[in-house]
Full PDB file with SEQRES, HELIX, SHEET, SSBOND, CRYST1, ORIGX, SCALE, CONECT and MASTER records, all heavy atoms in Angstrom:
SEQRES   1 A   37  GLY LEU THR ARG GLU THR GLU VAL ARG HIS ALA ALA TRP          
SEQRES   2 A   37  GLY SER ILE ALA THR LEU ARG ASP PRO PHE GLY HIS GLY          
SEQRES   3 A   37  TRP CYS LEU ILE GLN PHE THR ASP ALA GLY TYR                  
SHEET    1 AA1 3 ARG A   9  ALA A  11  0                                        
SHEET    2 AA1 3 GLY A  14  ARG A  20 -1                                        
SHEET    3 AA1 3 GLY A  26  PHE A  32 -1                                        
CRYST1    1.000    1.000    1.000  90.00  90.00  90.00 P 1           1          
ORIGX1      1.000000  0.000000  0.000000        0.00000                         
ORIGX2      0.000000  1.000000  0.000000        0.00000                         
ORIGX3      0.000000  0.000000  1.000000        0.00000                         
SCALE1      1.000000  0.000000  0.000000        0.00000                         
SCALE2      0.000000  1.000000  0.000000        0.00000                         
SCALE3      0.000000  0.000000  1.000000        0.00000                         
ATOM      1  N   GLY A   1      -2.934 -24.528  24.851  1.00  0.00           N  
ATOM      2  CA  GLY A   1      -2.119 -24.555  26.056  1.00  0.00           C  
ATOM      3  C   GLY A   1      -1.979 -23.245  26.791  1.00  0.00           C  
ATOM      4  O   GLY A   1      -1.278 -23.193  27.820  1.00  0.00           O  
ATOM      5  N   LEU A   2      -2.620 -22.178  26.338  1.00  0.00           N  
ATOM      6  CA  LEU A   2      -2.586 -20.932  27.086  1.00  0.00           C  
ATOM      7  C   LEU A   2      -3.629 -20.990  28.185  1.00  0.00           C  
ATOM      8  O   LEU A   2      -4.654 -21.676  28.057  1.00  0.00           O  
ATOM      9  CB  LEU A   2      -2.860 -19.722  26.183  1.00  0.00           C  
ATOM     10  CG  LEU A   2      -1.623 -19.262  25.371  1.00  0.00           C  
ATOM     11  CD1 LEU A   2      -1.422 -20.137  24.148  1.00  0.00           C  
ATOM     12  CD2 LEU A   2      -1.757 -17.824  24.987  1.00  0.00           C  
ATOM     13  N   THR A   3      -3.388 -20.293  29.270  1.00  0.00           N  
ATOM     14  CA  THR A   3      -4.289 -20.276  30.413  1.00  0.00           C  
ATOM     15  C   THR A   3      -4.922 -18.889  30.543  1.00  0.00           C  
ATOM     16  O   THR A   3      -4.221 -17.882  30.588  1.00  0.00           O  
ATOM     17  CB  THR A   3      -3.508 -20.609  31.710  1.00  0.00           C  
ATOM     18  OG1 THR A   3      -2.873 -21.873  31.547  1.00  0.00           O  
ATOM     19  CG2 THR A   3      -4.420 -20.619  32.908  1.00  0.00           C  
ATOM     20  N   ARG A   4      -6.229 -18.896  30.631  1.00  0.00           N  
ATOM     21  CA  ARG A   4      -6.973 -17.640  30.805  1.00  0.00           C  
ATOM     22  C   ARG A   4      -6.740 -17.108  32.200  1.00  0.00           C  
ATOM     23  O   ARG A   4      -6.833 -17.831  33.176  1.00  0.00           O  
ATOM     24  CB  ARG A   4      -8.437 -17.927  30.566  1.00  0.00           C  
ATOM     25  CG  ARG A   4      -9.315 -16.732  30.473  1.00  0.00           C  
ATOM     26  CD  ARG A   4     -10.658 -17.204  29.956  1.00  0.00           C  
ATOM     27  NE  ARG A   4     -11.671 -16.200  30.141  1.00  0.00           N  
ATOM     28  CZ  ARG A   4     -12.884 -16.328  29.648  1.00  0.00           C  
ATOM     29  NH1 ARG A   4     -13.224 -17.407  28.972  1.00  0.00           N  
ATOM     30  NH2 ARG A   4     -13.763 -15.387  29.856  1.00  0.00           N  
ATOM     31  N   GLU A   5      -6.419 -15.809  32.289  1.00  0.00           N  
ATOM     32  CA  GLU A   5      -6.140 -15.196  33.597  1.00  0.00           C  
ATOM     33  C   GLU A   5      -7.278 -14.322  34.099  1.00  0.00           C  
ATOM     34  O   GLU A   5      -7.367 -14.071  35.291  1.00  0.00           O  
ATOM     35  CB  GLU A   5      -4.851 -14.378  33.537  1.00  0.00           C  
ATOM     36  CG  GLU A   5      -3.631 -15.238  33.316  1.00  0.00           C  
ATOM     37  CD  GLU A   5      -2.348 -14.446  33.414  1.00  0.00           C  
ATOM     38  OE1 GLU A   5      -2.247 -13.343  32.842  1.00  0.00           O  
ATOM     39  OE2 GLU A   5      -1.429 -14.959  34.065  1.00  0.00           O  
ATOM     40  N   THR A   6      -8.094 -13.802  33.206  1.00  0.00           N  
ATOM     41  CA  THR A   6      -9.172 -12.885  33.612  1.00  0.00           C  
ATOM     42  C   THR A   6     -10.449 -13.220  32.856  1.00  0.00           C  
ATOM     43  O   THR A   6     -10.428 -13.901  31.825  1.00  0.00           O  
ATOM     44  CB  THR A   6      -8.821 -11.418  33.287  1.00  0.00           C  
ATOM     45  OG1 THR A   6      -8.686 -11.272  31.876  1.00  0.00           O  
ATOM     46  CG2 THR A   6      -7.544 -10.977  33.982  1.00  0.00           C  
ATOM     47  N   GLU A   7     -11.526 -12.713  33.381  1.00  0.00           N  
ATOM     48  CA  GLU A   7     -12.777 -12.718  32.640  1.00  0.00           C  
ATOM     49  C   GLU A   7     -12.659 -11.707  31.491  1.00  0.00           C  
ATOM     50  O   GLU A   7     -11.809 -10.808  31.544  1.00  0.00           O  
ATOM     51  CB  GLU A   7     -13.960 -12.363  33.547  1.00  0.00           C  
ATOM     52  CG  GLU A   7     -14.205 -13.391  34.627  1.00  0.00           C  
ATOM     53  CD  GLU A   7     -14.530 -14.772  34.059  1.00  0.00           C  
ATOM     54  OE1 GLU A   7     -15.330 -14.855  33.090  1.00  0.00           O  
ATOM     55  OE2 GLU A   7     -13.968 -15.767  34.551  1.00  0.00           O  
ATOM     56  N   VAL A   8     -13.514 -11.834  30.509  1.00  0.00           N  
ATOM     57  CA  VAL A   8     -13.517 -10.867  29.426  1.00  0.00           C  
ATOM     58  C   VAL A   8     -13.975  -9.515  29.992  1.00  0.00           C  
ATOM     59  O   VAL A   8     -14.958  -9.449  30.734  1.00  0.00           O  
ATOM     60  CB  VAL A   8     -14.461 -11.311  28.285  1.00  0.00           C  
ATOM     61  CG1 VAL A   8     -14.592 -10.245  27.225  1.00  0.00           C  
ATOM     62  CG2 VAL A   8     -13.961 -12.633  27.689  1.00  0.00           C  
ATOM     63  N   ARG A   9     -13.221  -8.480  29.675  1.00  0.00           N  
ATOM     64  CA  ARG A   9     -13.586  -7.116  30.084  1.00  0.00           C  
ATOM     65  C   ARG A   9     -14.054  -6.367  28.858  1.00  0.00           C  
ATOM     66  O   ARG A   9     -13.495  -6.529  27.757  1.00  0.00           O  
ATOM     67  CB  ARG A   9     -12.387  -6.410  30.720  1.00  0.00           C  
ATOM     68  CG  ARG A   9     -11.950  -7.065  32.014  1.00  0.00           C  
ATOM     69  CD  ARG A   9     -10.850  -6.266  32.717  1.00  0.00           C  
ATOM     70  NE  ARG A   9      -9.806  -5.794  31.823  1.00  0.00           N  
ATOM     71  CZ  ARG A   9      -8.567  -6.295  31.789  1.00  0.00           C  
ATOM     72  NH1 ARG A   9      -8.211  -7.272  32.571  1.00  0.00           N  
ATOM     73  NH2 ARG A   9      -7.676  -5.799  30.943  1.00  0.00           N  
ATOM     74  N   HIS A  10     -15.068  -5.525  29.051  1.00  0.00           N  
ATOM     75  CA  HIS A  10     -15.665  -4.782  27.927  1.00  0.00           C  
ATOM     76  C   HIS A  10     -15.445  -3.279  28.155  1.00  0.00           C  
ATOM     77  O   HIS A  10     -15.517  -2.805  29.276  1.00  0.00           O  
ATOM     78  CB  HIS A  10     -17.161  -5.091  27.816  1.00  0.00           C  
ATOM     79  CG  HIS A  10     -17.444  -6.557  27.680  1.00  0.00           C  
ATOM     80  ND1 HIS A  10     -17.282  -7.219  26.504  1.00  0.00           N  
ATOM     81  CD2 HIS A  10     -17.832  -7.467  28.600  1.00  0.00           C  
ATOM     82  CE1 HIS A  10     -17.584  -8.509  26.692  1.00  0.00           C  
ATOM     83  NE2 HIS A  10     -17.910  -8.681  27.958  1.00  0.00           N  
ATOM     84  N   ALA A  11     -15.166  -2.582  27.074  1.00  0.00           N  
ATOM     85  CA  ALA A  11     -14.948  -1.138  27.100  1.00  0.00           C  
ATOM     86  C   ALA A  11     -15.552  -0.541  25.822  1.00  0.00           C  
ATOM     87  O   ALA A  11     -15.966  -1.280  24.925  1.00  0.00           O  
ATOM     88  CB  ALA A  11     -13.458  -0.838  27.191  1.00  0.00           C  
ATOM     89  N   ALA A  12     -15.535   0.775  25.731  1.00  0.00           N  
ATOM     90  CA  ALA A  12     -16.095   1.433  24.555  1.00  0.00           C  
ATOM     91  C   ALA A  12     -15.348   1.030  23.282  1.00  0.00           C  
ATOM     92  O   ALA A  12     -15.925   0.972  22.192  1.00  0.00           O  
ATOM     93  CB  ALA A  12     -16.028   2.958  24.731  1.00  0.00           C  
ATOM     94  N   TRP A  13     -14.064   0.742  23.381  1.00  0.00           N  
ATOM     95  CA  TRP A  13     -13.236   0.381  22.204  1.00  0.00           C  
ATOM     96  C   TRP A  13     -13.342  -1.088  21.828  1.00  0.00           C  
ATOM     97  O   TRP A  13     -12.952  -1.487  20.743  1.00  0.00           O  
ATOM     98  CB  TRP A  13     -11.782   0.762  22.438  1.00  0.00           C  
ATOM     99  CG  TRP A  13     -11.226   0.282  23.732  1.00  0.00           C  
ATOM    100  CD1 TRP A  13     -11.166   0.985  24.900  1.00  0.00           C  
ATOM    101  CD2 TRP A  13     -10.716  -1.021  24.030  1.00  0.00           C  
ATOM    102  NE1 TRP A  13     -10.627   0.197  25.912  1.00  0.00           N  
ATOM    103  CE2 TRP A  13     -10.346  -1.045  25.388  1.00  0.00           C  
ATOM    104  CE3 TRP A  13     -10.536  -2.163  23.274  1.00  0.00           C  
ATOM    105  CZ2 TRP A  13      -9.804  -2.151  26.006  1.00  0.00           C  
ATOM    106  CZ3 TRP A  13      -9.980  -3.286  23.885  1.00  0.00           C  
ATOM    107  CH2 TRP A  13      -9.627  -3.260  25.229  1.00  0.00           C  
ATOM    108  N   GLY A  14     -13.814  -1.945  22.773  1.00  0.00           N  
ATOM    109  CA  GLY A  14     -13.927  -3.366  22.467  1.00  0.00           C  
ATOM    110  C   GLY A  14     -13.874  -4.225  23.706  1.00  0.00           C  
ATOM    111  O   GLY A  14     -14.167  -3.766  24.804  1.00  0.00           O  
ATOM    112  N   SER A  15     -13.461  -5.476  23.542  1.00  0.00           N  
ATOM    113  CA  SER A  15     -13.381  -6.436  24.626  1.00  0.00           C  
ATOM    114  C   SER A  15     -12.001  -7.053  24.663  1.00  0.00           C  
ATOM    115  O   SER A  15     -11.350  -7.199  23.634  1.00  0.00           O  
ATOM    116  CB  SER A  15     -14.433  -7.535  24.422  1.00  0.00           C  
ATOM    117  OG  SER A  15     -15.733  -6.984  24.393  1.00  0.00           O  
ATOM    118  N   ILE A  16     -11.572  -7.459  25.872  1.00  0.00           N  
ATOM    119  CA  ILE A  16     -10.236  -7.969  26.054  1.00  0.00           C  
ATOM    120  C   ILE A  16     -10.237  -9.119  27.058  1.00  0.00           C  
ATOM    121  O   ILE A  16     -10.999  -9.098  28.032  1.00  0.00           O  
ATOM    122  CB  ILE A  16      -9.264  -6.854  26.531  1.00  0.00           C  
ATOM    123  CG1 ILE A  16      -7.818  -7.347  26.610  1.00  0.00           C  
ATOM    124  CG2 ILE A  16      -9.731  -6.244  27.834  1.00  0.00           C  
ATOM    125  CD1 ILE A  16      -6.817  -6.228  26.855  1.00  0.00           C  
ATOM    126  N   ALA A  17      -9.401 -10.114  26.807  1.00  0.00           N  
ATOM    127  CA  ALA A  17      -9.147 -11.195  27.752  1.00  0.00           C  
ATOM    128  C   ALA A  17      -7.644 -11.376  27.838  1.00  0.00           C  
ATOM    129  O   ALA A  17      -6.931 -11.237  26.839  1.00  0.00           O  
ATOM    130  CB  ALA A  17      -9.796 -12.491  27.275  1.00  0.00           C  
ATOM    131  N   THR A  18      -7.153 -11.678  29.041  1.00  0.00           N  
ATOM    132  CA  THR A  18      -5.721 -11.870  29.215  1.00  0.00           C  
ATOM    133  C   THR A  18      -5.429 -13.344  29.475  1.00  0.00           C  
ATOM    134  O   THR A  18      -6.212 -14.058  30.118  1.00  0.00           O  
ATOM    135  CB  THR A  18      -5.165 -11.010  30.354  1.00  0.00           C  
ATOM    136  OG1 THR A  18      -5.821 -11.354  31.574  1.00  0.00           O  
ATOM    137  CG2 THR A  18      -5.383  -9.526  30.075  1.00  0.00           C  
ATOM    138  N   LEU A  19      -4.278 -13.774  28.946  1.00  0.00           N  
ATOM    139  CA  LEU A  19      -3.837 -15.160  29.084  1.00  0.00           C  
ATOM    140  C   LEU A  19      -2.365 -15.203  29.381  1.00  0.00           C  
ATOM    141  O   LEU A  19      -1.663 -14.212  29.210  1.00  0.00           O  
ATOM    142  CB  LEU A  19      -4.088 -15.928  27.769  1.00  0.00           C  
ATOM    143  CG  LEU A  19      -5.504 -15.928  27.235  1.00  0.00           C  
ATOM    144  CD1 LEU A  19      -5.586 -15.045  26.005  1.00  0.00           C  
ATOM    145  CD2 LEU A  19      -5.916 -17.332  26.894  1.00  0.00           C  
ATOM    146  N   ARG A  20      -1.892 -16.380  29.767  1.00  0.00           N  
ATOM    147  CA  ARG A  20      -0.455 -16.631  29.880  1.00  0.00           C  
ATOM    148  C   ARG A  20      -0.163 -17.886  29.085  1.00  0.00           C  
ATOM    149  O   ARG A  20      -0.967 -18.807  29.020  1.00  0.00           O  
ATOM    150  CB  ARG A  20      -0.014 -16.760  31.317  1.00  0.00           C  
ATOM    151  CG  ARG A  20      -0.459 -18.018  32.021  1.00  0.00           C  
ATOM    152  CD  ARG A  20       0.134 -18.128  33.426  1.00  0.00           C  
ATOM    153  NE  ARG A  20      -0.354 -19.283  34.100  1.00  0.00           N  
ATOM    154  CZ  ARG A  20      -1.456 -19.342  34.845  1.00  0.00           C  
ATOM    155  NH1 ARG A  20      -2.178 -18.234  34.982  1.00  0.00           N  
ATOM    156  NH2 ARG A  20      -1.834 -20.451  35.415  1.00  0.00           N  
ATOM    157  N   ASP A  21       1.017 -17.906  28.489  1.00  0.00           N  
ATOM    158  CA  ASP A  21       1.404 -19.102  27.735  1.00  0.00           C  
ATOM    159  C   ASP A  21       2.203 -20.037  28.620  1.00  0.00           C  
ATOM    160  O   ASP A  21       2.487 -19.699  29.783  1.00  0.00           O  
ATOM    161  CB  ASP A  21       2.129 -18.701  26.436  1.00  0.00           C  
ATOM    162  CG  ASP A  21       3.513 -18.088  26.657  1.00  0.00           C  
ATOM    163  OD1 ASP A  21       4.128 -18.315  27.712  1.00  0.00           O  
ATOM    164  OD2 ASP A  21       3.973 -17.390  25.748  1.00  0.00           O  
ATOM    165  N   PRO A  22       2.561 -21.218  28.134  1.00  0.00           N  
ATOM    166  CA  PRO A  22       3.307 -22.169  28.979  1.00  0.00           C  
ATOM    167  C   PRO A  22       4.701 -21.681  29.390  1.00  0.00           C  
ATOM    168  O   PRO A  22       5.350 -22.333  30.196  1.00  0.00           O  
ATOM    169  CB  PRO A  22       3.428 -23.415  28.091  1.00  0.00           C  
ATOM    170  CG  PRO A  22       2.341 -23.293  27.077  1.00  0.00           C  
ATOM    171  CD  PRO A  22       2.172 -21.815  26.858  1.00  0.00           C  
ATOM    172  N   PHE A  23       5.145 -20.564  28.828  1.00  0.00           N  
ATOM    173  CA  PHE A  23       6.495 -20.064  29.077  1.00  0.00           C  
ATOM    174  C   PHE A  23       6.504 -18.813  29.943  1.00  0.00           C  
ATOM    175  O   PHE A  23       7.499 -18.132  30.047  1.00  0.00           O  
ATOM    176  CB  PHE A  23       7.196 -19.808  27.745  1.00  0.00           C  
ATOM    177  CG  PHE A  23       6.930 -20.893  26.748  1.00  0.00           C  
ATOM    178  CD1 PHE A  23       6.075 -20.669  25.689  1.00  0.00           C  
ATOM    179  CD2 PHE A  23       7.469 -22.158  26.918  1.00  0.00           C  
ATOM    180  CE1 PHE A  23       5.779 -21.696  24.798  1.00  0.00           C  
ATOM    181  CE2 PHE A  23       7.170 -23.186  26.020  1.00  0.00           C  
ATOM    182  CZ  PHE A  23       6.330 -22.946  24.961  1.00  0.00           C  
ATOM    183  N   GLY A  24       5.334 -18.476  30.540  1.00  0.00           N  
ATOM    184  CA  GLY A  24       5.257 -17.335  31.448  1.00  0.00           C  
ATOM    185  C   GLY A  24       4.942 -16.008  30.790  1.00  0.00           C  
ATOM    186  O   GLY A  24       4.799 -14.995  31.484  1.00  0.00           O  
ATOM    187  N   HIS A  25       4.828 -15.972  29.469  1.00  0.00           N  
ATOM    188  CA  HIS A  25       4.569 -14.706  28.770  1.00  0.00           C  
ATOM    189  C   HIS A  25       3.069 -14.367  28.826  1.00  0.00           C  
ATOM    190  O   HIS A  25       2.227 -15.239  28.690  1.00  0.00           O  
ATOM    191  CB  HIS A  25       4.973 -14.795  27.290  1.00  0.00           C  
ATOM    192  CG  HIS A  25       6.403 -15.176  27.098  1.00  0.00           C  
ATOM    193  ND1 HIS A  25       7.449 -14.454  27.606  1.00  0.00           N  
ATOM    194  CD2 HIS A  25       6.961 -16.231  26.457  1.00  0.00           C  
ATOM    195  CE1 HIS A  25       8.590 -15.027  27.274  1.00  0.00           C  
ATOM    196  NE2 HIS A  25       8.332 -16.118  26.599  1.00  0.00           N  
ATOM    197  N   GLY A  26       2.764 -13.078  28.975  1.00  0.00           N  
ATOM    198  CA  GLY A  26       1.386 -12.616  28.933  1.00  0.00           C  
ATOM    199  C   GLY A  26       0.954 -12.287  27.525  1.00  0.00           C  
ATOM    200  O   GLY A  26       1.734 -11.798  26.709  1.00  0.00           O  
ATOM    201  N   TRP A  27      -0.327 -12.575  27.230  1.00  0.00           N  
ATOM    202  CA  TRP A  27      -0.922 -12.284  25.930  1.00  0.00           C  
ATOM    203  C   TRP A  27      -2.307 -11.694  26.177  1.00  0.00           C  
ATOM    204  O   TRP A  27      -2.994 -12.100  27.124  1.00  0.00           O  
ATOM    205  CB  TRP A  27      -1.099 -13.563  25.123  1.00  0.00           C  
ATOM    206  CG  TRP A  27       0.179 -14.197  24.669  1.00  0.00           C  
ATOM    207  CD1 TRP A  27       1.014 -14.971  25.410  1.00  0.00           C  
ATOM    208  CD2 TRP A  27       0.776 -14.086  23.380  1.00  0.00           C  
ATOM    209  NE1 TRP A  27       2.093 -15.369  24.658  1.00  0.00           N  
ATOM    210  CE2 TRP A  27       1.979 -14.834  23.390  1.00  0.00           C  
ATOM    211  CE3 TRP A  27       0.399 -13.437  22.210  1.00  0.00           C  
ATOM    212  CZ2 TRP A  27       2.801 -14.953  22.298  1.00  0.00           C  
ATOM    213  CZ3 TRP A  27       1.219 -13.576  21.100  1.00  0.00           C  
ATOM    214  CH2 TRP A  27       2.404 -14.310  21.144  1.00  0.00           C  
ATOM    215  N   CYS A  28      -2.713 -10.755  25.340  1.00  0.00           N  
ATOM    216  CA  CYS A  28      -4.067 -10.235  25.391  1.00  0.00           C  
ATOM    217  C   CYS A  28      -4.750 -10.545  24.062  1.00  0.00           C  
ATOM    218  O   CYS A  28      -4.139 -10.358  22.997  1.00  0.00           O  
ATOM    219  CB  CYS A  28      -4.075  -8.722  25.593  1.00  0.00           C  
ATOM    220  SG  CYS A  28      -3.383  -8.210  27.170  1.00  0.00           S  
ATOM    221  N   LEU A  29      -5.980 -10.994  24.139  1.00  0.00           N  
ATOM    222  CA  LEU A  29      -6.817 -11.134  22.942  1.00  0.00           C  
ATOM    223  C   LEU A  29      -7.796  -9.969  22.978  1.00  0.00           C  
ATOM    224  O   LEU A  29      -8.453  -9.739  24.001  1.00  0.00           O  
ATOM    225  CB  LEU A  29      -7.566 -12.461  22.954  1.00  0.00           C  
ATOM    226  CG  LEU A  29      -6.708 -13.716  22.901  1.00  0.00           C  
ATOM    227  CD1 LEU A  29      -7.586 -14.963  22.948  1.00  0.00           C  
ATOM    228  CD2 LEU A  29      -5.852 -13.736  21.641  1.00  0.00           C  
ATOM    229  N   ILE A  30      -7.869  -9.241  21.864  1.00  0.00           N  
ATOM    230  CA  ILE A  30      -8.711  -8.044  21.794  1.00  0.00           C  
ATOM    231  C   ILE A  30      -9.639  -8.145  20.605  1.00  0.00           C  
ATOM    232  O   ILE A  30      -9.189  -8.435  19.486  1.00  0.00           O  
ATOM    233  CB  ILE A  30      -7.845  -6.764  21.659  1.00  0.00           C  
ATOM    234  CG1 ILE A  30      -6.967  -6.593  22.894  1.00  0.00           C  
ATOM    235  CG2 ILE A  30      -8.722  -5.551  21.433  1.00  0.00           C  
ATOM    236  CD1 ILE A  30      -6.018  -5.423  22.798  1.00  0.00           C  
ATOM    237  N   GLN A  31     -10.923  -7.905  20.851  1.00  0.00           N  
ATOM    238  CA  GLN A  31     -11.892  -7.777  19.770  1.00  0.00           C  
ATOM    239  C   GLN A  31     -12.371  -6.335  19.811  1.00  0.00           C  
ATOM    240  O   GLN A  31     -13.015  -5.897  20.756  1.00  0.00           O  
ATOM    241  CB  GLN A  31     -13.070  -8.726  19.968  1.00  0.00           C  
ATOM    242  CG  GLN A  31     -14.083  -8.617  18.842  1.00  0.00           C  
ATOM    243  CD  GLN A  31     -15.215  -9.622  18.992  1.00  0.00           C  
ATOM    244  OE1 GLN A  31     -15.129 -10.599  19.721  1.00  0.00           O  
ATOM    245  NE2 GLN A  31     -16.298  -9.351  18.304  1.00  0.00           N  
ATOM    246  N   PHE A  32     -11.991  -5.559  18.782  1.00  0.00           N  
ATOM    247  CA  PHE A  32     -12.364  -4.149  18.711  1.00  0.00           C  
ATOM    248  C   PHE A  32     -13.805  -3.980  18.255  1.00  0.00           C  
ATOM    249  O   PHE A  32     -14.332  -4.788  17.483  1.00  0.00           O  
ATOM    250  CB  PHE A  32     -11.435  -3.407  17.736  1.00  0.00           C  
ATOM    251  CG  PHE A  32     -10.048  -3.192  18.258  1.00  0.00           C  
ATOM    252  CD1 PHE A  32      -8.973  -3.901  17.761  1.00  0.00           C  
ATOM    253  CD2 PHE A  32      -9.808  -2.291  19.277  1.00  0.00           C  
ATOM    254  CE1 PHE A  32      -7.691  -3.717  18.235  1.00  0.00           C  
ATOM    255  CE2 PHE A  32      -8.538  -2.060  19.777  1.00  0.00           C  
ATOM    256  CZ  PHE A  32      -7.470  -2.791  19.252  1.00  0.00           C  
ATOM    257  N   THR A  33     -14.432  -2.915  18.721  1.00  0.00           N  
ATOM    258  CA  THR A  33     -15.704  -2.496  18.173  1.00  0.00           C  
ATOM    259  C   THR A  33     -15.426  -1.847  16.815  1.00  0.00           C  
ATOM    260  O   THR A  33     -14.248  -1.684  16.443  1.00  0.00           O  
ATOM    261  CB  THR A  33     -16.390  -1.449  19.081  1.00  0.00           C  
ATOM    262  OG1 THR A  33     -15.527  -0.295  19.159  1.00  0.00           O  
ATOM    263  CG2 THR A  33     -16.674  -1.985  20.470  1.00  0.00           C  
ATOM    264  N   ASP A  34     -16.449  -1.477  16.087  1.00  0.00           N  
ATOM    265  CA  ASP A  34     -16.239  -0.802  14.798  1.00  0.00           C  
ATOM    266  C   ASP A  34     -15.408   0.469  14.966  1.00  0.00           C  
ATOM    267  O   ASP A  34     -14.573   0.782  14.141  1.00  0.00           O  
ATOM    268  CB  ASP A  34     -17.563  -0.494  14.126  1.00  0.00           C  
ATOM    269  CG  ASP A  34     -18.253  -1.732  13.590  1.00  0.00           C  
ATOM    270  OD1 ASP A  34     -17.559  -2.763  13.404  1.00  0.00           O  
ATOM    271  OD2 ASP A  34     -19.471  -1.689  13.359  1.00  0.00           O  
ATOM    272  N   ALA A  35     -15.615   1.194  16.080  1.00  0.00           N  
ATOM    273  CA  ALA A  35     -14.885   2.436  16.317  1.00  0.00           C  
ATOM    274  C   ALA A  35     -13.459   2.161  16.822  1.00  0.00           C  
ATOM    275  O   ALA A  35     -12.571   2.964  16.618  1.00  0.00           O  
ATOM    276  CB  ALA A  35     -15.637   3.302  17.307  1.00  0.00           C  
ATOM    277  N   GLY A  36     -13.254   1.029  17.492  1.00  0.00           N  
ATOM    278  CA  GLY A  36     -11.935   0.729  18.054  1.00  0.00           C  
ATOM    279  C   GLY A  36     -11.481   1.831  18.986  1.00  0.00           C  
ATOM    280  O   GLY A  36     -12.275   2.425  19.718  1.00  0.00           O  
ATOM    281  N   TYR A  37     -10.190   2.124  18.969  1.00  0.00           N  
ATOM    282  CA  TYR A  37      -9.650   3.154  19.862  1.00  0.00           C  
ATOM    283  C   TYR A  37     -10.187   4.534  19.549  1.00  0.00           C  
ATOM    284  O   TYR A  37     -10.126   5.433  20.397  1.00  0.00           O  
ATOM    285  CB  TYR A  37      -8.113   3.167  19.814  1.00  0.00           C  
ATOM    286  CG  TYR A  37      -7.463   1.997  20.504  1.00  0.00           C  
ATOM    287  CD1 TYR A  37      -6.334   1.429  19.986  1.00  0.00           C  
ATOM    288  CD2 TYR A  37      -7.971   1.448  21.686  1.00  0.00           C  
ATOM    289  CE1 TYR A  37      -5.683   0.356  20.627  1.00  0.00           C  
ATOM    290  CE2 TYR A  37      -7.374   0.385  22.305  1.00  0.00           C  
ATOM    291  CZ  TYR A  37      -6.229  -0.159  21.772  1.00  0.00           C  
ATOM    292  OH  TYR A  37      -5.641  -1.210  22.409  1.00  0.00           O  
TER     293      TYR A  37                                                      
MASTER        0    0    0    0    3    0    0    6  292    1    0    3          
END                                                                             
């Protein structure tokens, strides 16, 4: 039931996608690279 708000963005530390839940809250899903931050 979460809604995707952006395309997946890629950076040196990993990839991120943003979503919103049915209650208006924002959530980020992050997949880190081996190095991460």
